[in-house]
């Protein structure tokens, strides 16, 4: 299962801080998930305060 960060992202950085595989980085307008590094653990989904991380 792959995840993506949608436009509801407020760039708070919570997901990046909690990602155990360092797959989330700050982008231009929002954070982005590197699918090559992502292990699909779902930690980012659980911690996102705006529910901006969804299944792709």
N, C-alpha and C. Protein backbone atom coordinates (compact mmCIF):
# COMPACT_ATOMS: atom_id res chain seq x y z
N UNK A 1 0.85 -1.17 0.00
CA UNK A 1 0.00 0.00 0.00
C UNK A 1 0.90 1.24 0.00
N UNK A 2 0.66 2.14 -0.91
CA UNK A 2 1.45 3.36 -0.99
C UNK A 2 0.66 4.53 -0.42
N UNK A 3 1.38 5.50 0.11
CA UNK A 3 0.75 6.69 0.68
C UNK A 3 1.18 7.92 -0.09
N UNK A 4 0.33 8.94 -0.06
CA UNK A 4 0.69 10.23 -0.65
C UNK A 4 0.17 11.32 0.26
N UNK A 5 0.78 12.48 0.17
CA UNK A 5 0.38 13.63 0.97
C UNK A 5 -0.41 14.56 0.05
N UNK A 6 -1.64 14.86 0.47
CA UNK A 6 -2.52 15.69 -0.35
C UNK A 6 -2.42 17.16 0.05
N UNK A 7 -3.14 18.00 -0.67
CA UNK A 7 -3.05 19.45 -0.47
C UNK A 7 -3.52 19.94 0.88
N UNK A 8 -4.13 19.08 1.70
CA UNK A 8 -4.54 19.48 3.04
C UNK A 8 -3.33 19.64 3.98
N UNK A 9 -2.15 19.26 3.53
CA UNK A 9 -0.92 19.36 4.32
C UNK A 9 -0.65 20.82 4.68
N UNK A 10 -0.37 21.05 5.97
CA UNK A 10 -0.05 22.40 6.45
C UNK A 10 1.44 22.55 6.76
N UNK A 11 2.23 21.59 6.31
CA UNK A 11 3.69 21.62 6.47
C UNK A 11 4.13 21.75 7.92
N UNK A 12 3.46 21.04 8.81
CA UNK A 12 3.82 21.10 10.23
C UNK A 12 5.06 20.27 10.55
N UNK A 13 5.35 19.25 9.72
CA UNK A 13 6.54 18.43 9.91
C UNK A 13 6.38 17.25 10.84
N UNK A 14 5.22 17.08 11.41
CA UNK A 14 4.99 15.98 12.35
C UNK A 14 5.27 14.63 11.70
N UNK A 15 4.81 14.44 10.49
CA UNK A 15 5.00 13.16 9.79
C UNK A 15 6.48 12.87 9.56
N UNK A 16 7.22 13.87 9.14
CA UNK A 16 8.64 13.67 8.86
C UNK A 16 9.42 13.31 10.12
N UNK A 17 9.06 13.94 11.23
CA UNK A 17 9.73 13.66 12.51
C UNK A 17 9.48 12.23 12.97
N UNK A 18 8.30 11.69 12.68
CA UNK A 18 7.93 10.36 13.15
C UNK A 18 8.27 9.23 12.18
N UNK A 19 8.61 9.55 10.95
CA UNK A 19 8.88 8.51 9.93
C UNK A 19 10.15 7.72 10.26
N UNK A 20 10.01 6.41 10.52
CA UNK A 20 11.19 5.62 10.89
C UNK A 20 12.14 5.35 9.73
N UNK A 21 11.69 5.54 8.50
CA UNK A 21 12.56 5.27 7.35
C UNK A 21 13.05 6.55 6.67
N UNK A 22 12.79 7.70 7.26
CA UNK A 22 13.23 9.00 6.73
C UNK A 22 12.77 9.20 5.29
N UNK A 23 11.53 8.78 5.01
CA UNK A 23 11.00 8.84 3.66
C UNK A 23 10.24 10.13 3.35
N UNK A 24 10.05 10.98 4.35
CA UNK A 24 9.25 12.19 4.16
C UNK A 24 10.14 13.41 4.27
N UNK A 25 10.08 14.25 3.25
CA UNK A 25 10.88 15.47 3.20
C UNK A 25 10.00 16.67 2.87
N UNK A 26 10.43 17.83 3.29
CA UNK A 26 9.71 19.06 2.99
C UNK A 26 9.83 19.38 1.50
N UNK A 27 8.69 19.67 0.88
CA UNK A 27 8.67 20.06 -0.52
C UNK A 27 8.41 21.55 -0.66
N UNK A 28 8.06 21.98 -1.86
CA UNK A 28 7.80 23.40 -2.10
C UNK A 28 6.55 23.90 -1.37
N UNK A 29 5.43 23.20 -1.55
CA UNK A 29 4.17 23.63 -0.96
C UNK A 29 3.70 22.73 0.17
N UNK A 30 4.22 21.50 0.21
CA UNK A 30 3.82 20.52 1.21
C UNK A 30 4.91 19.47 1.32
N UNK A 31 4.78 18.63 2.30
CA UNK A 31 5.74 17.54 2.45
C UNK A 31 5.47 16.46 1.39
N UNK A 32 6.46 15.63 1.12
CA UNK A 32 6.31 14.58 0.10
C UNK A 32 6.92 13.28 0.62
N UNK A 33 6.35 12.17 0.20
CA UNK A 33 6.82 10.85 0.60
C UNK A 33 7.61 10.23 -0.55
N UNK A 34 8.82 9.80 -0.27
CA UNK A 34 9.66 9.12 -1.25
C UNK A 34 9.24 7.64 -1.27
N UNK A 35 8.60 7.19 -2.35
CA UNK A 35 8.11 5.81 -2.39
C UNK A 35 9.22 4.76 -2.35
N UNK A 36 10.43 5.14 -2.70
CA UNK A 36 11.55 4.21 -2.65
C UNK A 36 11.99 3.93 -1.21
N UNK A 37 11.81 4.90 -0.33
CA UNK A 37 12.22 4.75 1.07
C UNK A 37 11.07 4.30 1.98
N UNK A 38 9.85 4.58 1.57
CA UNK A 38 8.68 4.30 2.39
C UNK A 38 8.50 2.79 2.58
N UNK A 39 8.28 2.38 3.83
CA UNK A 39 8.06 0.96 4.15
C UNK A 39 6.59 0.66 4.41
N UNK A 40 5.71 1.62 4.13
CA UNK A 40 4.26 1.45 4.29
C UNK A 40 3.85 1.10 5.71
N UNK A 41 4.55 1.66 6.69
CA UNK A 41 4.24 1.33 8.09
C UNK A 41 2.97 2.03 8.59
N UNK A 42 2.63 3.18 7.99
CA UNK A 42 1.43 3.90 8.39
C UNK A 42 1.60 4.86 9.54
N UNK A 43 2.80 4.99 10.07
CA UNK A 43 3.04 5.90 11.18
C UNK A 43 2.65 7.33 10.82
N UNK A 44 2.96 7.75 9.63
CA UNK A 44 2.66 9.11 9.19
C UNK A 44 1.16 9.37 9.18
N UNK A 45 0.39 8.38 8.76
CA UNK A 45 -1.06 8.51 8.72
C UNK A 45 -1.60 8.73 10.13
N UNK A 46 -1.08 7.98 11.07
CA UNK A 46 -1.54 8.05 12.46
C UNK A 46 -1.24 9.39 13.13
N UNK A 47 -0.13 10.04 12.76
CA UNK A 47 0.27 11.27 13.45
C UNK A 47 -0.14 12.56 12.74
N UNK A 48 -0.59 12.48 11.51
CA UNK A 48 -0.94 13.70 10.76
C UNK A 48 -2.17 14.38 11.36
N UNK A 49 -2.02 15.63 11.83
CA UNK A 49 -3.14 16.32 12.47
C UNK A 49 -4.24 16.77 11.51
N UNK A 50 -3.94 16.83 10.22
CA UNK A 50 -4.94 17.29 9.25
C UNK A 50 -5.44 16.17 8.34
N UNK A 51 -5.03 14.94 8.64
CA UNK A 51 -5.42 13.77 7.84
C UNK A 51 -5.08 13.97 6.36
N UNK A 52 -3.90 14.54 6.12
CA UNK A 52 -3.47 14.85 4.75
C UNK A 52 -2.70 13.73 4.09
N UNK A 53 -2.55 12.59 4.76
CA UNK A 53 -1.84 11.45 4.19
C UNK A 53 -2.84 10.35 3.93
N UNK A 54 -2.93 9.97 2.67
CA UNK A 54 -3.93 8.99 2.26
C UNK A 54 -3.30 7.88 1.43
N UNK A 55 -4.03 6.77 1.31
CA UNK A 55 -3.57 5.69 0.45
C UNK A 55 -3.60 6.16 -1.00
N UNK A 56 -2.59 5.77 -1.74
CA UNK A 56 -2.52 6.16 -3.14
C UNK A 56 -3.33 5.24 -3.99
